[in-house]
């Protein structure tokens, strides 16, 4: 895998490389079904949170935040690095 030297700490940074679909299917086949379903649902909830930015959609945003937290709990129990975050959560 290619690396780019980090300017700050001297540690190499990994460059994100897209993986082929066949490799993604192979990786997915090694995970339990409930974890895959939680990952898909968490991605969907994170996307929905990004859509709910106005005060009128605050209730829907809170519901999606609860869904994201629930699915992240399942993902973290399997592997803590699988947690999905929503970077555009409006307060």
C-alpha atoms as a PDB file:
ATOM      1  CA  UNK A   1       0.000   0.000   0.000  1.00  0.00           C
ATOM      2  CA  UNK A   2       1.336   3.454  -0.831  1.00  0.00           C
ATOM      3  CA  UNK A   3       2.175   5.821   1.984  1.00  0.00           C
ATOM      4  CA  UNK A   4       2.744   9.541   2.202  1.00  0.00           C
ATOM      5  CA  UNK A   5       5.046  10.806   4.942  1.00  0.00           C
ATOM      6  CA  UNK A   6       3.246  12.791   7.605  1.00  0.00           C
ATOM      7  CA  UNK A   7       4.511  16.315   8.100  1.00  0.00           C
ATOM      8  CA  UNK A   8       3.828  16.444  11.841  1.00  0.00           C
ATOM      9  CA  UNK A   9       4.688  13.260  13.721  1.00  0.00           C
ATOM     10  CA  UNK A  10       6.912  11.507  11.224  1.00  0.00           C
ATOM     11  CA  UNK A  11       4.497   8.577  10.936  1.00  0.00           C
ATOM     12  CA  UNK A  12       3.436   7.489   7.444  1.00  0.00           C
ATOM     13  CA  UNK A  13      -0.166   8.186   6.450  1.00  0.00           C
ATOM     14  CA  UNK A  14      -2.069   5.551   4.508  1.00  0.00           C
ATOM     15  CA  UNK A  15      -3.482   6.654   1.181  1.00  0.00           C
ATOM     16  CA  UNK A  16      -7.091   5.540   0.666  1.00  0.00           C
ATOM     17  CA  UNK A  17      -7.250   3.099  -2.210  1.00  0.00           C
ATOM     18  CA  UNK A  18     -10.560   1.915  -3.686  1.00  0.00           C
ATOM     19  CA  UNK A  19     -11.071  -1.826  -3.502  1.00  0.00           C
ATOM     20  CA  UNK A  20     -12.684  -3.927  -6.239  1.00  0.00           C
ATOM     21  CA  UNK A  21     -16.248  -5.129  -5.748  1.00  0.00           C
ATOM     22  CA  UNK A  22     -15.160  -8.766  -5.574  1.00  0.00           C
ATOM     23  CA  UNK A  23     -12.847  -7.981  -2.650  1.00  0.00           C
ATOM     24  CA  UNK A  24     -15.637  -6.061  -0.865  1.00  0.00           C
ATOM     25  CA  UNK A  25     -17.957  -9.059  -1.297  1.00  0.00           C
ATOM     26  CA  UNK A  26     -15.280 -11.385   0.090  1.00  0.00           C
ATOM     27  CA  UNK A  27     -14.762  -9.137   3.114  1.00  0.00           C
ATOM     28  CA  UNK A  28     -18.521  -8.853   3.637  1.00  0.00           C
ATOM     29  CA  UNK A  29     -18.989 -12.608   3.475  1.00  0.00           C
ATOM     30  CA  UNK A  30     -16.707 -12.990   6.512  1.00  0.00           C
ATOM     31  CA  UNK A  31     -18.897 -10.741   8.711  1.00  0.00           C
ATOM     32  CA  UNK A  32     -22.114 -11.833  10.428  1.00  0.00           C
ATOM     33  CA  UNK A  33     -25.331 -10.763   8.691  1.00  0.00           C
ATOM     34  CA  UNK A  34     -26.532  -8.606  11.588  1.00  0.00           C
ATOM     35  CA  UNK A  35     -23.294  -6.597  11.478  1.00  0.00           C
ATOM     36  CA  UNK A  36     -23.647  -5.986   7.731  1.00  0.00           C
ATOM     37  CA  UNK A  37     -27.259  -4.905   8.217  1.00  0.00           C
ATOM     38  CA  UNK A  38     -26.212  -2.564  11.047  1.00  0.00           C
ATOM     39  CA  UNK A  39     -23.496  -1.043   8.862  1.00  0.00           C
ATOM     40  CA  UNK A  40     -25.928  -0.381   6.010  1.00  0.00           C
ATOM     41  CA  UNK A  41     -28.524   1.066   8.392  1.00  0.00           C
ATOM     42  CA  UNK A  42     -25.905   3.269  10.102  1.00  0.00           C
ATOM     43  CA  UNK A  43     -24.774   4.679   6.749  1.00  0.00           C
ATOM     44  CA  UNK A  44     -28.403   5.403   5.878  1.00  0.00           C
ATOM     45  CA  UNK A  45     -29.021   7.112   9.225  1.00  0.00           C
ATOM     46  CA  UNK A  46     -25.862   9.222   8.853  1.00  0.00           C
ATOM     47  CA  UNK A  47     -27.019  10.331   5.407  1.00  0.00           C
ATOM     48  CA  UNK A  48     -30.467  11.201   6.766  1.00  0.00           C
ATOM     49  CA  UNK A  49     -28.897  13.249   9.570  1.00  0.00           C
ATOM     50  CA  UNK A  50     -27.040  15.324   6.994  1.00  0.00           C
ATOM     51  CA  UNK A  51     -30.364  16.094   5.285  1.00  0.00           C
ATOM     52  CA  UNK A  52     -32.044  17.315   8.491  1.00  0.00           C
ATOM     53  CA  UNK A  53     -30.457  20.723   9.031  1.00  0.00           C
ATOM     54  CA  UNK A  54     -33.387  23.048   9.665  1.00  0.00           C
ATOM     55  CA  UNK A  55     -35.272  23.568  12.926  1.00  0.00           C
ATOM     56  CA  UNK A  56     -38.358  22.116  11.243  1.00  0.00           C
ATOM     57  CA  UNK A  57     -36.597  18.776  10.835  1.00  0.00           C
ATOM     58  CA  UNK A  58     -35.096  18.669  14.345  1.00  0.00           C
ATOM     59  CA  UNK A  59     -37.407  15.859  15.428  1.00  0.00           C
ATOM     60  CA  UNK A  60     -36.435  13.701  12.450  1.00  0.00           C
ATOM     61  CA  UNK A  61     -32.755  14.466  13.103  1.00  0.00           C
ATOM     62  CA  UNK A  62     -33.075  13.314  16.725  1.00  0.00           C
ATOM     63  CA  UNK A  63     -34.751  10.093  15.589  1.00  0.00           C
ATOM     64  CA  UNK A  64     -31.941   9.433  13.096  1.00  0.00           C
ATOM     65  CA  UNK A  65     -29.306  10.195  15.748  1.00  0.00           C
ATOM     66  CA  UNK A  66     -30.912   7.562  17.969  1.00  0.00           C
ATOM     67  CA  UNK A  67     -30.927   5.067  15.084  1.00  0.00           C
ATOM     68  CA  UNK A  68     -27.274   5.826  14.341  1.00  0.00           C
ATOM     69  CA  UNK A  69     -26.331   5.318  17.995  1.00  0.00           C
ATOM     70  CA  UNK A  70     -28.163   1.986  18.116  1.00  0.00           C
ATOM     71  CA  UNK A  71     -26.481   0.663  14.974  1.00  0.00           C
ATOM     72  CA  UNK A  72     -23.079   1.959  16.100  1.00  0.00           C
ATOM     73  CA  UNK A  73     -23.518  -0.012  19.308  1.00  0.00           C
ATOM     74  CA  UNK A  74     -23.896  -3.209  17.262  1.00  0.00           C
ATOM     75  CA  UNK A  75     -20.921  -2.280  15.068  1.00  0.00           C
ATOM     76  CA  UNK A  76     -18.693  -1.399  18.031  1.00  0.00           C
ATOM     77  CA  UNK A  77     -19.472  -4.724  19.698  1.00  0.00           C
ATOM     78  CA  UNK A  78     -18.119  -6.489  16.602  1.00  0.00           C
ATOM     79  CA  UNK A  79     -15.243  -4.105  15.791  1.00  0.00           C
ATOM     80  CA  UNK A  80     -14.837  -0.582  17.238  1.00  0.00           C
ATOM     81  CA  UNK A  81     -13.261   0.670  13.986  1.00  0.00           C
ATOM     82  CA  UNK A  82     -16.543   0.119  12.113  1.00  0.00           C
ATOM     83  CA  UNK A  83     -18.377   2.976  13.866  1.00  0.00           C
ATOM     84  CA  UNK A  84     -20.101   5.365  11.451  1.00  0.00           C
ATOM     85  CA  UNK A  85     -20.039   9.094  12.196  1.00  0.00           C
ATOM     86  CA  UNK A  86     -22.074  11.943  10.836  1.00  0.00           C
ATOM     87  CA  UNK A  87     -19.781  14.924  10.419  1.00  0.00           C
ATOM     88  CA  UNK A  88     -22.559  17.367   9.560  1.00  0.00           C
ATOM     89  CA  UNK A  89     -24.756  16.991  12.622  1.00  0.00           C
ATOM     90  CA  UNK A  90     -26.589  20.234  13.265  1.00  0.00           C
ATOM     91  CA  UNK A  91     -26.932  21.128  16.926  1.00  0.00           C
END
